[in-house]
Amino acid sequence: MALVLWILAVILVVSGIVSLVRGQILWGAVLIIVGLLVGPGGVSLFT
């Protein structure tokens, strides 16, 4: 389960960075924050 959370967190953070580069600042920030919360190092939403 931890591997799935890591993959999901990486995908969210990378897509957030891409959104920031494209100029969608709010959406990018939301994706990055959610990615950090979902990751096993953060406050996991699934535990």
N, C-alpha and C. Protein backbone atom coordinates (compact mmCIF):
# COMPACT_ATOMS: atom_id res chain seq x y z
N MET A 1 0.83 -1.20 0.00
CA MET A 1 0.00 0.00 0.00
C MET A 1 0.87 1.26 0.00
N ALA A 2 2.01 1.19 0.69
CA ALA A 2 2.90 2.35 0.75
C ALA A 2 3.43 2.70 -0.64
N LEU A 3 3.71 1.70 -1.45
CA LEU A 3 4.20 1.95 -2.80
C LEU A 3 3.15 2.67 -3.64
N VAL A 4 1.90 2.26 -3.51
CA VAL A 4 0.82 2.91 -4.25
C VAL A 4 0.69 4.37 -3.82
N LEU A 5 0.80 4.64 -2.52
CA LEU A 5 0.72 6.01 -2.02
C LEU A 5 1.87 6.86 -2.54
N TRP A 6 3.07 6.29 -2.58
CA TRP A 6 4.22 7.02 -3.11
C TRP A 6 4.01 7.36 -4.58
N ILE A 7 3.54 6.40 -5.36
CA ILE A 7 3.32 6.64 -6.79
C ILE A 7 2.26 7.72 -6.98
N LEU A 8 1.17 7.63 -6.24
CA LEU A 8 0.11 8.63 -6.33
C LEU A 8 0.62 10.01 -5.93
N ALA A 9 1.40 10.08 -4.88
CA ALA A 9 1.94 11.36 -4.42
C ALA A 9 2.88 11.96 -5.46
N VAL A 10 3.73 11.14 -6.07
CA VAL A 10 4.65 11.63 -7.09
C VAL A 10 3.89 12.16 -8.30
N ILE A 11 2.86 11.43 -8.72
CA ILE A 11 2.06 11.87 -9.86
C ILE A 11 1.39 13.20 -9.57
N LEU A 12 0.84 13.36 -8.36
CA LEU A 12 0.16 14.60 -8.00
C LEU A 12 1.13 15.78 -7.95
N VAL A 13 2.30 15.55 -7.36
CA VAL A 13 3.27 16.65 -7.24
C VAL A 13 3.81 17.04 -8.61
N VAL A 14 4.12 16.05 -9.45
CA VAL A 14 4.63 16.36 -10.79
C VAL A 14 3.58 17.10 -11.61
N SER A 15 2.34 16.66 -11.55
CA SER A 15 1.30 17.36 -12.30
C SER A 15 1.05 18.76 -11.72
N GLY A 16 1.25 18.92 -10.43
CA GLY A 16 1.15 20.26 -9.84
C GLY A 16 2.24 21.18 -10.33
N ILE A 17 3.46 20.66 -10.45
CA ILE A 17 4.58 21.47 -10.96
C ILE A 17 4.33 21.84 -12.42
N VAL A 18 3.82 20.89 -13.20
CA VAL A 18 3.51 21.19 -14.60
C VAL A 18 2.44 22.26 -14.68
N SER A 19 1.45 22.21 -13.82
CA SER A 19 0.40 23.23 -13.82
C SER A 19 0.97 24.59 -13.45
N LEU A 20 1.90 24.63 -12.50
CA LEU A 20 2.52 25.90 -12.14
C LEU A 20 3.28 26.49 -13.32
N VAL A 21 4.00 25.64 -14.05
CA VAL A 21 4.77 26.11 -15.20
C VAL A 21 3.83 26.65 -16.29
N ARG A 22 2.67 26.04 -16.43
CA ARG A 22 1.71 26.46 -17.47
C ARG A 22 0.93 27.70 -17.05
N GLY A 23 1.11 28.17 -15.82
CA GLY A 23 0.46 29.40 -15.38
C GLY A 23 -0.77 29.20 -14.53
N GLN A 24 -1.13 27.96 -14.25
CA GLN A 24 -2.31 27.69 -13.41
C GLN A 24 -1.84 27.55 -11.96
N ILE A 25 -1.63 28.70 -11.32
CA ILE A 25 -0.97 28.73 -10.02
C ILE A 25 -1.81 28.07 -8.94
N LEU A 26 -3.09 28.40 -8.88
CA LEU A 26 -3.95 27.85 -7.82
C LEU A 26 -4.09 26.34 -7.95
N TRP A 27 -4.38 25.86 -9.15
CA TRP A 27 -4.55 24.42 -9.37
C TRP A 27 -3.24 23.68 -9.09
N GLY A 28 -2.11 24.25 -9.50
CA GLY A 28 -0.81 23.63 -9.24
C GLY A 28 -0.52 23.53 -7.76
N ALA A 29 -0.82 24.60 -7.02
CA ALA A 29 -0.59 24.59 -5.57
C ALA A 29 -1.47 23.55 -4.88
N VAL A 30 -2.73 23.45 -5.32
CA VAL A 30 -3.64 22.46 -4.73
C VAL A 30 -3.11 21.04 -4.98
N LEU A 31 -2.67 20.76 -6.20
CA LEU A 31 -2.16 19.42 -6.52
C LEU A 31 -0.92 19.09 -5.70
N ILE A 32 -0.03 20.05 -5.53
CA ILE A 32 1.18 19.80 -4.76
C ILE A 32 0.84 19.54 -3.29
N ILE A 33 -0.06 20.33 -2.73
CA ILE A 33 -0.43 20.14 -1.32
C ILE A 33 -1.10 18.79 -1.11
N VAL A 34 -2.01 18.43 -2.01
CA VAL A 34 -2.68 17.13 -1.89
C VAL A 34 -1.66 15.99 -2.05
N GLY A 35 -0.72 16.16 -2.98
CA GLY A 35 0.32 15.14 -3.16
C GLY A 35 1.17 14.96 -1.92
N LEU A 36 1.47 16.05 -1.24
CA LEU A 36 2.26 15.95 -0.01
C LEU A 36 1.44 15.34 1.13
N LEU A 37 0.14 15.57 1.14
CA LEU A 37 -0.70 14.98 2.18
C LEU A 37 -0.91 13.49 1.97
N VAL A 38 -1.00 13.07 0.71
CA VAL A 38 -1.29 11.66 0.41
C VAL A 38 -0.06 10.79 0.62
N GLY A 39 1.11 11.34 0.38
CA GLY A 39 2.35 10.54 0.46
C GLY A 39 2.55 9.94 1.83
N PRO A 40 3.25 8.82 1.88
CA PRO A 40 3.48 8.13 3.15
C PRO A 40 4.24 8.98 4.16
N GLY A 41 5.03 9.94 3.69
CA GLY A 41 5.76 10.82 4.60
C GLY A 41 4.87 11.90 5.18
N GLY A 42 3.73 12.14 4.56
CA GLY A 42 2.81 13.19 5.03
C GLY A 42 1.70 12.63 5.87
N VAL A 43 0.65 13.38 5.99
CA VAL A 43 -0.53 12.93 6.72
C VAL A 43 -1.38 12.13 5.75
N SER A 44 -1.28 10.83 5.81
CA SER A 44 -1.97 9.99 4.83
C SER A 44 -3.48 10.03 5.06
N LEU A 45 -4.21 10.19 3.99
CA LEU A 45 -5.66 10.24 4.07
C LEU A 45 -6.27 8.85 4.23
N PHE A 46 -5.47 7.81 4.03
CA PHE A 46 -5.99 6.44 4.05
C PHE A 46 -5.73 5.70 5.35
N THR A 47 -5.08 6.35 6.33
CA THR A 47 -4.81 5.66 7.60
C THR A 47 -5.50 6.37 8.74
